Each structure stands twice: as structure tokens, then as C-alpha cells.
Amino acid sequence: DAKGKYVTPGFVALSMAGVGLRAGGGAGAGGPASRQAG
């Protein structure tokens, strides 16, 4: 029920860092092997 409320598409953020990443940040958290393997 959204009566009296507002419905929009989800917002898209073009500049993010440190969100949704394992501790240590960035692809480095996976180690060299994981970086090479993509």
C-alpha cells in the first residue's frame, strides 16, 4: 500500500567506495590470485 506516498526508481550513485566490499577494501581483498583470475 503506497497510498499518500511517492514511488520512484531507485537512485544510481556514480561515485562510491567502500560499500559492498570485504574488509580491506577494493579488489585487493581477494589477493593476487583472485585478481589474476578476475
Full PDB file with SEQRES, HELIX, SHEET, SSBOND, CRYST1, ORIGX, SCALE, CONECT and MASTER records, all heavy atoms in Angstrom:
SEQRES   1 A   38  ASP ALA LYS GLY LYS TYR VAL THR PRO GLY PHE VAL ALA          
SEQRES   2 A   38  LEU SER MET ALA GLY VAL GLY LEU ARG ALA GLY GLY GLY          
SEQRES   3 A   38  ALA GLY ALA GLY GLY PRO ALA SER ARG GLN ALA GLY              
HELIX    1 AA1 ALA A   27  GLY A   30  5                                   4    
HELIX    2 AA2 GLY A   31  ALA A   37  1                                   7    
CRYST1    1.000    1.000    1.000  90.00  90.00  90.00 P 1           1          
ORIGX1      1.000000  0.000000  0.000000        0.00000                         
ORIGX2      0.000000  1.000000  0.000000        0.00000                         
ORIGX3      0.000000  0.000000  1.000000        0.00000                         
SCALE1      1.000000  0.000000  0.000000        0.00000                         
SCALE2      0.000000  1.000000  0.000000        0.00000                         
SCALE3      0.000000  0.000000  1.000000        0.00000                         
ATOM      1  N   ASP A   1       0.846  -1.200   0.000  1.00  0.00           N  
ATOM      2  CA  ASP A   1       0.000   0.000   0.000  1.00  0.00           C  
ATOM      3  C   ASP A   1       0.881   1.250   0.000  1.00  0.00           C  
ATOM      4  O   ASP A   1       1.621   1.503   0.941  1.00  0.00           O  
ATOM      5  CB  ASP A   1      -0.906  -0.008   1.228  1.00  0.00           C  
ATOM      6  CG  ASP A   1      -1.883   1.164   1.236  1.00  0.00           C  
ATOM      7  OD1 ASP A   1      -1.964   1.862   0.212  1.00  0.00           O  
ATOM      8  OD2 ASP A   1      -2.555   1.370   2.267  1.00  0.00           O  
ATOM      9  N   ALA A   2       0.791   2.025  -1.086  1.00  0.00           N  
ATOM     10  CA  ALA A   2       1.576   3.258  -1.205  1.00  0.00           C  
ATOM     11  C   ALA A   2       0.673   4.485  -1.257  1.00  0.00           C  
ATOM     12  O   ALA A   2       1.102   5.553  -1.699  1.00  0.00           O  
ATOM     13  CB  ALA A   2       2.453   3.198  -2.454  1.00  0.00           C  
ATOM     14  N   LYS A   3      -0.543   4.348  -0.797  1.00  0.00           N  
ATOM     15  CA  LYS A   3      -1.478   5.478  -0.834  1.00  0.00           C  
ATOM     16  C   LYS A   3      -0.938   6.640  -0.004  1.00  0.00           C  
ATOM     17  O   LYS A   3      -0.525   6.472   1.136  1.00  0.00           O  
ATOM     18  CB  LYS A   3      -2.838   5.039  -0.294  1.00  0.00           C  
ATOM     19  CG  LYS A   3      -3.916   6.104  -0.463  1.00  0.00           C  
ATOM     20  CD  LYS A   3      -5.276   5.583  -0.013  1.00  0.00           C  
ATOM     21  CE  LYS A   3      -6.364   6.654  -0.216  1.00  0.00           C  
ATOM     22  NZ  LYS A   3      -7.693   6.162   0.224  1.00  0.00           N  
ATOM     23  N   GLY A   4      -0.932   7.825  -0.622  1.00  0.00           N  
ATOM     24  CA  GLY A   4      -0.414   9.008   0.058  1.00  0.00           C  
ATOM     25  C   GLY A   4       1.104   9.102   0.016  1.00  0.00           C  
ATOM     26  O   GLY A   4       1.688  10.029   0.578  1.00  0.00           O  
ATOM     27  N   LYS A   5       1.741   8.147  -0.651  1.00  0.00           N  
ATOM     28  CA  LYS A   5       3.201   8.141  -0.723  1.00  0.00           C  
ATOM     29  C   LYS A   5       3.661   8.340  -2.171  1.00  0.00           C  
ATOM     30  O   LYS A   5       2.862   8.539  -3.080  1.00  0.00           O  
ATOM     31  CB  LYS A   5       3.757   6.841  -0.142  1.00  0.00           C  
ATOM     32  CG  LYS A   5       3.465   6.680   1.362  1.00  0.00           C  
ATOM     33  CD  LYS A   5       4.043   5.411   1.907  1.00  0.00           C  
ATOM     34  CE  LYS A   5       3.889   5.338   3.432  1.00  0.00           C  
ATOM     35  NZ  LYS A   5       2.482   5.379   3.858  1.00  0.00           N  
ATOM     36  N   TYR A   6       4.990   8.277  -2.365  1.00  0.00           N  
ATOM     37  CA  TYR A   6       5.593   8.565  -3.668  1.00  0.00           C  
ATOM     38  C   TYR A   6       6.451   7.371  -4.082  1.00  0.00           C  
ATOM     39  O   TYR A   6       7.216   6.838  -3.270  1.00  0.00           O  
ATOM     40  CB  TYR A   6       6.457   9.827  -3.592  1.00  0.00           C  
ATOM     41  CG  TYR A   6       5.691  11.065  -3.168  1.00  0.00           C  
ATOM     42  CD1 TYR A   6       5.315  11.264  -1.839  1.00  0.00           C  
ATOM     43  CD2 TYR A   6       5.325  12.031  -4.106  1.00  0.00           C  
ATOM     44  CE1 TYR A   6       4.602  12.386  -1.449  1.00  0.00           C  
ATOM     45  CE2 TYR A   6       4.616  13.157  -3.730  1.00  0.00           C  
ATOM     46  CZ  TYR A   6       4.253  13.330  -2.399  1.00  0.00           C  
ATOM     47  OH  TYR A   6       3.553  14.450  -2.020  1.00  0.00           O  
ATOM     48  N   VAL A   7       6.323   6.984  -5.342  1.00  0.00           N  
ATOM     49  CA  VAL A   7       7.067   5.839  -5.862  1.00  0.00           C  
ATOM     50  C   VAL A   7       8.032   6.341  -6.940  1.00  0.00           C  
ATOM     51  O   VAL A   7       7.620   7.012  -7.896  1.00  0.00           O  
ATOM     52  CB  VAL A   7       6.125   4.775  -6.455  1.00  0.00           C  
ATOM     53  CG1 VAL A   7       6.914   3.576  -6.958  1.00  0.00           C  
ATOM     54  CG2 VAL A   7       5.099   4.338  -5.414  1.00  0.00           C  
ATOM     55  N   THR A   8       9.308   6.025  -6.789  1.00  0.00           N  
ATOM     56  CA  THR A   8      10.320   6.447  -7.762  1.00  0.00           C  
ATOM     57  C   THR A   8      11.233   5.265  -8.100  1.00  0.00           C  
ATOM     58  O   THR A   8      11.256   4.268  -7.383  1.00  0.00           O  
ATOM     59  CB  THR A   8      11.197   7.587  -7.214  1.00  0.00           C  
ATOM     60  OG1 THR A   8      12.073   7.056  -6.198  1.00  0.00           O  
ATOM     61  CG2 THR A   8      10.370   8.705  -6.632  1.00  0.00           C  
ATOM     62  N   PRO A   9      12.003   5.390  -9.183  1.00  0.00           N  
ATOM     63  CA  PRO A   9      13.040   4.383  -9.407  1.00  0.00           C  
ATOM     64  C   PRO A   9      14.116   4.507  -8.334  1.00  0.00           C  
ATOM     65  O   PRO A   9      14.279   5.575  -7.719  1.00  0.00           O  
ATOM     66  CB  PRO A   9      13.614   4.756 -10.786  1.00  0.00           C  
ATOM     67  CG  PRO A   9      12.697   5.775 -11.360  1.00  0.00           C  
ATOM     68  CD  PRO A   9      12.000   6.429 -10.225  1.00  0.00           C  
ATOM     69  N   GLY A  10      14.848   3.448  -8.103  1.00  0.00           N  
ATOM     70  CA  GLY A  10      15.974   3.522  -7.183  1.00  0.00           C  
ATOM     71  C   GLY A  10      17.025   4.475  -7.712  1.00  0.00           C  
ATOM     72  O   GLY A  10      17.205   4.627  -8.930  1.00  0.00           O  
ATOM     73  N   PHE A  11      17.739   5.147  -6.814  1.00  0.00           N  
ATOM     74  CA  PHE A  11      18.775   6.096  -7.203  1.00  0.00           C  
ATOM     75  C   PHE A  11      20.047   5.358  -7.607  1.00  0.00           C  
ATOM     76  O   PHE A  11      20.365   4.290  -7.065  1.00  0.00           O  
ATOM     77  CB  PHE A  11      19.080   7.061  -6.072  1.00  0.00           C  
ATOM     78  CG  PHE A  11      17.880   7.858  -5.605  1.00  0.00           C  
ATOM     79  CD1 PHE A  11      17.788   8.322  -4.295  1.00  0.00           C  
ATOM     80  CD2 PHE A  11      16.833   8.135  -6.472  1.00  0.00           C  
ATOM     81  CE1 PHE A  11      16.684   9.047  -3.865  1.00  0.00           C  
ATOM     82  CE2 PHE A  11      15.721   8.864  -6.051  1.00  0.00           C  
ATOM     83  CZ  PHE A  11      15.643   9.319  -4.744  1.00  0.00           C  
ATOM     84  N   VAL A  12      20.765   5.935  -8.549  1.00  0.00           N  
ATOM     85  CA  VAL A  12      22.007   5.357  -9.058  1.00  0.00           C  
ATOM     86  C   VAL A  12      23.157   6.288  -8.687  1.00  0.00           C  
ATOM     87  O   VAL A  12      23.174   7.440  -9.101  1.00  0.00           O  
ATOM     88  CB  VAL A  12      21.957   5.159 -10.582  1.00  0.00           C  
ATOM     89  CG1 VAL A  12      23.253   4.543 -11.086  1.00  0.00           C  
ATOM     90  CG2 VAL A  12      20.754   4.299 -10.972  1.00  0.00           C  
ATOM     91  N   ALA A  13      24.104   5.785  -7.901  1.00  0.00           N  
ATOM     92  CA  ALA A  13      25.247   6.580  -7.454  1.00  0.00           C  
ATOM     93  C   ALA A  13      26.458   6.246  -8.325  1.00  0.00           C  
ATOM     94  O   ALA A  13      26.884   5.095  -8.377  1.00  0.00           O  
ATOM     95  CB  ALA A  13      25.558   6.318  -5.989  1.00  0.00           C  
ATOM     96  N   LEU A  14      27.026   7.260  -8.988  1.00  0.00           N  
ATOM     97  CA  LEU A  14      28.163   7.037  -9.876  1.00  0.00           C  
ATOM     98  C   LEU A  14      29.498   7.022  -9.156  1.00  0.00           C  
ATOM     99  O   LEU A  14      30.484   6.537  -9.706  1.00  0.00           O  
ATOM    100  CB  LEU A  14      28.213   8.130 -10.961  1.00  0.00           C  
ATOM    101  CG  LEU A  14      27.308   7.938 -12.174  1.00  0.00           C  
ATOM    102  CD1 LEU A  14      27.547   9.049 -13.168  1.00  0.00           C  
ATOM    103  CD2 LEU A  14      27.542   6.597 -12.828  1.00  0.00           C  
ATOM    104  N   SER A  15      29.544   7.576  -7.958  1.00  0.00           N  
ATOM    105  CA  SER A  15      30.816   7.673  -7.226  1.00  0.00           C  
ATOM    106  C   SER A  15      30.654   7.059  -5.854  1.00  0.00           C  
ATOM    107  O   SER A  15      30.121   7.686  -4.933  1.00  0.00           O  
ATOM    108  CB  SER A  15      31.264   9.133  -7.110  1.00  0.00           C  
ATOM    109  OG  SER A  15      31.508   9.695  -8.389  1.00  0.00           O  
ATOM    110  N   MET A  16      31.110   5.808  -5.715  1.00  0.00           N  
ATOM    111  CA  MET A  16      31.034   5.103  -4.444  1.00  0.00           C  
ATOM    112  C   MET A  16      32.362   4.411  -4.165  1.00  0.00           C  
ATOM    113  O   MET A  16      33.089   4.039  -5.085  1.00  0.00           O  
ATOM    114  CB  MET A  16      29.918   4.053  -4.457  1.00  0.00           C  
ATOM    115  CG  MET A  16      28.533   4.592  -4.636  1.00  0.00           C  
ATOM    116  SD  MET A  16      27.263   3.283  -4.655  1.00  0.00           S  
ATOM    117  CE  MET A  16      27.254   2.765  -2.930  1.00  0.00           C  
ATOM    118  N   ALA A  17      32.656   4.260  -2.898  1.00  0.00           N  
ATOM    119  CA  ALA A  17      33.832   3.498  -2.478  1.00  0.00           C  
ATOM    120  C   ALA A  17      33.542   2.907  -1.104  1.00  0.00           C  
ATOM    121  O   ALA A  17      32.839   3.504  -0.292  1.00  0.00           O  
ATOM    122  CB  ALA A  17      35.080   4.380  -2.432  1.00  0.00           C  
ATOM    123  N   GLY A  18      34.092   1.714  -0.853  1.00  0.00           N  
ATOM    124  CA  GLY A  18      33.956   1.107   0.462  1.00  0.00           C  
ATOM    125  C   GLY A  18      32.574   0.601   0.786  1.00  0.00           C  
ATOM    126  O   GLY A  18      32.249   0.358   1.945  1.00  0.00           O  
ATOM    127  N   VAL A  19      31.721   0.418  -0.208  1.00  0.00           N  
ATOM    128  CA  VAL A  19      30.378  -0.116   0.014  1.00  0.00           C  
ATOM    129  C   VAL A  19      30.268  -1.465  -0.692  1.00  0.00           C  
ATOM    130  O   VAL A  19      30.596  -1.594  -1.868  1.00  0.00           O  
ATOM    131  CB  VAL A  19      29.294   0.838  -0.517  1.00  0.00           C  
ATOM    132  CG1 VAL A  19      27.907   0.224  -0.331  1.00  0.00           C  
ATOM    133  CG2 VAL A  19      29.376   2.183   0.180  1.00  0.00           C  
ATOM    134  N   GLY A  20      29.811  -2.466   0.043  1.00  0.00           N  
ATOM    135  CA  GLY A  20      29.638  -3.784  -0.536  1.00  0.00           C  
ATOM    136  C   GLY A  20      30.936  -4.536  -0.753  1.00  0.00           C  
ATOM    137  O   GLY A  20      30.964  -5.529  -1.483  1.00  0.00           O  
ATOM    138  N   LEU A  21      32.017  -4.081  -0.100  1.00  0.00           N  
ATOM    139  CA  LEU A  21      33.313  -4.721  -0.265  1.00  0.00           C  
ATOM    140  C   LEU A  21      33.770  -5.330   1.048  1.00  0.00           C  
ATOM    141  O   LEU A  21      33.429  -4.845   2.134  1.00  0.00           O  
ATOM    142  CB  LEU A  21      34.358  -3.709  -0.735  1.00  0.00           C  
ATOM    143  CG  LEU A  21      34.071  -2.988  -2.052  1.00  0.00           C  
ATOM    144  CD1 LEU A  21      35.203  -2.029  -2.371  1.00  0.00           C  
ATOM    145  CD2 LEU A  21      33.885  -3.987  -3.179  1.00  0.00           C  
ATOM    146  N   ARG A  22      34.555  -6.379   0.950  1.00  0.00           N  
ATOM    147  CA  ARG A  22      35.108  -7.013   2.142  1.00  0.00           C  
ATOM    148  C   ARG A  22      36.062  -6.076   2.843  1.00  0.00           C  
ATOM    149  O   ARG A  22      36.610  -5.142   2.247  1.00  0.00           O  
ATOM    150  CB  ARG A  22      35.846  -8.294   1.743  1.00  0.00           C  
ATOM    151  CG  ARG A  22      34.945  -9.430   1.302  1.00  0.00           C  
ATOM    152  CD  ARG A  22      35.743 -10.558   0.696  1.00  0.00           C  
ATOM    153  NE  ARG A  22      36.834 -10.977   1.564  1.00  0.00           N  
ATOM    154  CZ  ARG A  22      37.813 -11.778   1.174  1.00  0.00           C  
ATOM    155  NH1 ARG A  22      37.858 -12.213  -0.066  1.00  0.00           N  
ATOM    156  NH2 ARG A  22      38.758 -12.132   2.009  1.00  0.00           N  
ATOM    157  N   ALA A  23      36.299  -6.316   4.120  1.00  0.00           N  
ATOM    158  CA  ALA A  23      37.233  -5.513   4.902  1.00  0.00           C  
ATOM    159  C   ALA A  23      38.588  -5.499   4.220  1.00  0.00           C  
ATOM    160  O   ALA A  23      39.088  -6.522   3.779  1.00  0.00           O  
ATOM    161  CB  ALA A  23      37.361  -6.080   6.313  1.00  0.00           C  
ATOM    162  N   GLY A  24      39.170  -4.346   4.131  1.00  0.00           N  
ATOM    163  CA  GLY A  24      40.422  -4.196   3.405  1.00  0.00           C  
ATOM    164  C   GLY A  24      40.206  -3.427   2.129  1.00  0.00           C  
ATOM    165  O   GLY A  24      41.112  -2.805   1.604  1.00  0.00           O  
ATOM    166  N   GLY A  25      38.917  -3.437   1.643  1.00  0.00           N  
ATOM    167  CA  GLY A  25      38.529  -2.596   0.527  1.00  0.00           C  
ATOM    168  C   GLY A  25      39.109  -3.010  -0.796  1.00  0.00           C  
ATOM    169  O   GLY A  25      40.214  -3.483  -0.918  1.00  0.00           O  
ATOM    170  N   GLY A  26      38.329  -2.818  -1.844  1.00  0.00           N  
ATOM    171  CA  GLY A  26      38.817  -2.990  -3.191  1.00  0.00           C  
ATOM    172  C   GLY A  26      39.101  -4.424  -3.570  1.00  0.00           C  
ATOM    173  O   GLY A  26      38.918  -5.362  -2.814  1.00  0.00           O  
ATOM    174  N   ALA A  27      39.568  -4.554  -4.784  1.00  0.00           N  
ATOM    175  CA  ALA A  27      39.826  -5.887  -5.311  1.00  0.00           C  
ATOM    176  C   ALA A  27      40.993  -6.548  -4.611  1.00  0.00           C  
ATOM    177  O   ALA A  27      41.161  -7.753  -4.661  1.00  0.00           O  
ATOM    178  CB  ALA A  27      40.093  -5.804  -6.812  1.00  0.00           C  
ATOM    179  N   GLY A  28      41.793  -5.772  -3.921  1.00  0.00           N  
ATOM    180  CA  GLY A  28      42.928  -6.341  -3.219  1.00  0.00           C  
ATOM    181  C   GLY A  28      42.539  -7.309  -2.144  1.00  0.00           C  
ATOM    182  O   GLY A  28      43.329  -8.152  -1.729  1.00  0.00           O  
ATOM    183  N   ALA A  29      41.302  -7.205  -1.659  1.00  0.00           N  
ATOM    184  CA  ALA A  29      40.854  -8.116  -0.613  1.00  0.00           C  
ATOM    185  C   ALA A  29      40.842  -9.549  -1.087  1.00  0.00           C  
ATOM    186  O   ALA A  29      40.955 -10.480  -0.304  1.00  0.00           O  
ATOM    187  CB  ALA A  29      39.447  -7.714  -0.149  1.00  0.00           C  
ATOM    188  N   GLY A  30      40.737  -9.742  -2.407  1.00  0.00           N  
ATOM    189  CA  GLY A  30      40.726 -11.096  -2.926  1.00  0.00           C  
ATOM    190  C   GLY A  30      42.115 -11.662  -3.119  1.00  0.00           C  
ATOM    191  O   GLY A  30      42.264 -12.839  -3.382  1.00  0.00           O  
ATOM    192  N   GLY A  31      43.171 -10.831  -3.011  1.00  0.00           N  
ATOM    193  CA  GLY A  31      44.532 -11.306  -3.181  1.00  0.00           C  
ATOM    194  C   GLY A  31      44.944 -11.354  -4.630  1.00  0.00           C  
ATOM    195  O   GLY A  31      44.126 -11.276  -5.542  1.00  0.00           O  
ATOM    196  N   PRO A  32      46.235 -11.478  -4.898  1.00  0.00           N  
ATOM    197  CA  PRO A  32      46.740 -11.502  -6.269  1.00  0.00           C  
ATOM    198  C   PRO A  32      46.119 -12.590  -7.129  1.00  0.00           C  
ATOM    199  O   PRO A  32      45.820 -12.384  -8.290  1.00  0.00           O  
ATOM    200  CB  PRO A  32      48.247 -11.733  -6.082  1.00  0.00           C  
ATOM    201  CG  PRO A  32      48.537 -11.293  -4.684  1.00  0.00           C  
ATOM    202  CD  PRO A  32      47.311 -11.591  -3.901  1.00  0.00           C  
ATOM    203  N   ALA A  33      45.941 -13.777  -6.544  1.00  0.00           N  
ATOM    204  CA  ALA A  33      45.396 -14.879  -7.335  1.00  0.00           C  
ATOM    205  C   ALA A  33      44.001 -14.552  -7.843  1.00  0.00           C  
ATOM    206  O   ALA A  33      43.668 -14.794  -9.006  1.00  0.00           O  
ATOM    207  CB  ALA A  33      45.364 -16.156  -6.505  1.00  0.00           C  
ATOM    208  N   SER A  34      43.172 -13.989  -6.955  1.00  0.00           N  
ATOM    209  CA  SER A  34      41.805 -13.687  -7.371  1.00  0.00           C  
ATOM    210  C   SER A  34      41.784 -12.553  -8.372  1.00  0.00           C  
ATOM    211  O   SER A  34      40.941 -12.516  -9.260  1.00  0.00           O  
ATOM    212  CB  SER A  34      40.945 -13.318  -6.155  1.00  0.00           C  
ATOM    213  OG  SER A  34      41.392 -12.117  -5.569  1.00  0.00           O  
ATOM    214  N   ARG A  35      42.707 -11.606  -8.255  1.00  0.00           N  
ATOM    215  CA  ARG A  35      42.760 -10.522  -9.231  1.00  0.00           C  
ATOM    216  C   ARG A  35      43.127 -11.074 -10.603  1.00  0.00           C  
ATOM    217  O   ARG A  35      42.562 -10.687 -11.618  1.00  0.00           O  
ATOM    218  CB  ARG A  35      43.772  -9.460  -8.788  1.00  0.00           C  
ATOM    219  CG  ARG A  35      43.314  -8.644  -7.596  1.00  0.00           C  
ATOM    220  CD  ARG A  35      44.108  -7.370  -7.499  1.00  0.00           C  
ATOM    221  NE  ARG A  35      45.531  -7.598  -7.315  1.00  0.00           N  
ATOM    222  CZ  ARG A  35      46.094  -7.754  -6.124  1.00  0.00           C  
ATOM    223  NH1 ARG A  35      45.354  -7.726  -5.048  1.00  0.00           N  
ATOM    224  NH2 ARG A  35      47.391  -7.949  -6.019  1.00  0.00           N  
ATOM    225  N   GLN A  36      44.100 -11.981 -10.644  1.00  0.00           N  
ATOM    226  CA  GLN A  36      44.506 -12.547 -11.918  1.00  0.00           C  
ATOM    227  C   GLN A  36      43.383 -13.371 -12.528  1.00  0.00           C  
ATOM    228  O   GLN A  36      43.207 -13.394 -13.740  1.00  0.00           O  
ATOM    229  CB  GLN A  36      45.751 -13.421 -11.729  1.00  0.00           C  
ATOM    230  CG  GLN A  36      46.997 -12.616 -11.356  1.00  0.00           C  
ATOM    231  CD  GLN A  36      48.170 -13.510 -11.035  1.00  0.00           C  
ATOM    232  OE1 GLN A  36      48.087 -14.723 -11.152  1.00  0.00           O  
ATOM    233  NE2 GLN A  36      49.272 -12.909 -10.620  1.00  0.00           N  
ATOM    234  N   ALA A  37      42.655 -14.033 -11.713  1.00  0.00           N  
ATOM    235  CA  ALA A  37      41.565 -14.871 -12.213  1.00  0.00           C  
ATOM    236  C   ALA A  37      40.311 -14.061 -12.496  1.00  0.00           C  
ATOM    237  O   ALA A  37      39.336 -14.577 -13.012  1.00  0.00           O  
ATOM    238  CB  ALA A  37      41.250 -15.977 -11.199  1.00  0.00           C  
ATOM    239  N   GLY A  38      40.325 -12.790 -12.153  1.00  0.00           N  
ATOM    240  CA  GLY A  38      39.164 -11.956 -12.383  1.00  0.00           C  
ATOM    241  C   GLY A  38      38.009 -12.272 -11.462  1.00  0.00           C  
ATOM    242  O   GLY A  38      36.853 -12.001 -11.797  1.00  0.00           O  
TER     243      GLY A  38                                                      
MASTER        0    0    0    2    0    0    0    6  242    1    0    3          
END                                                                             
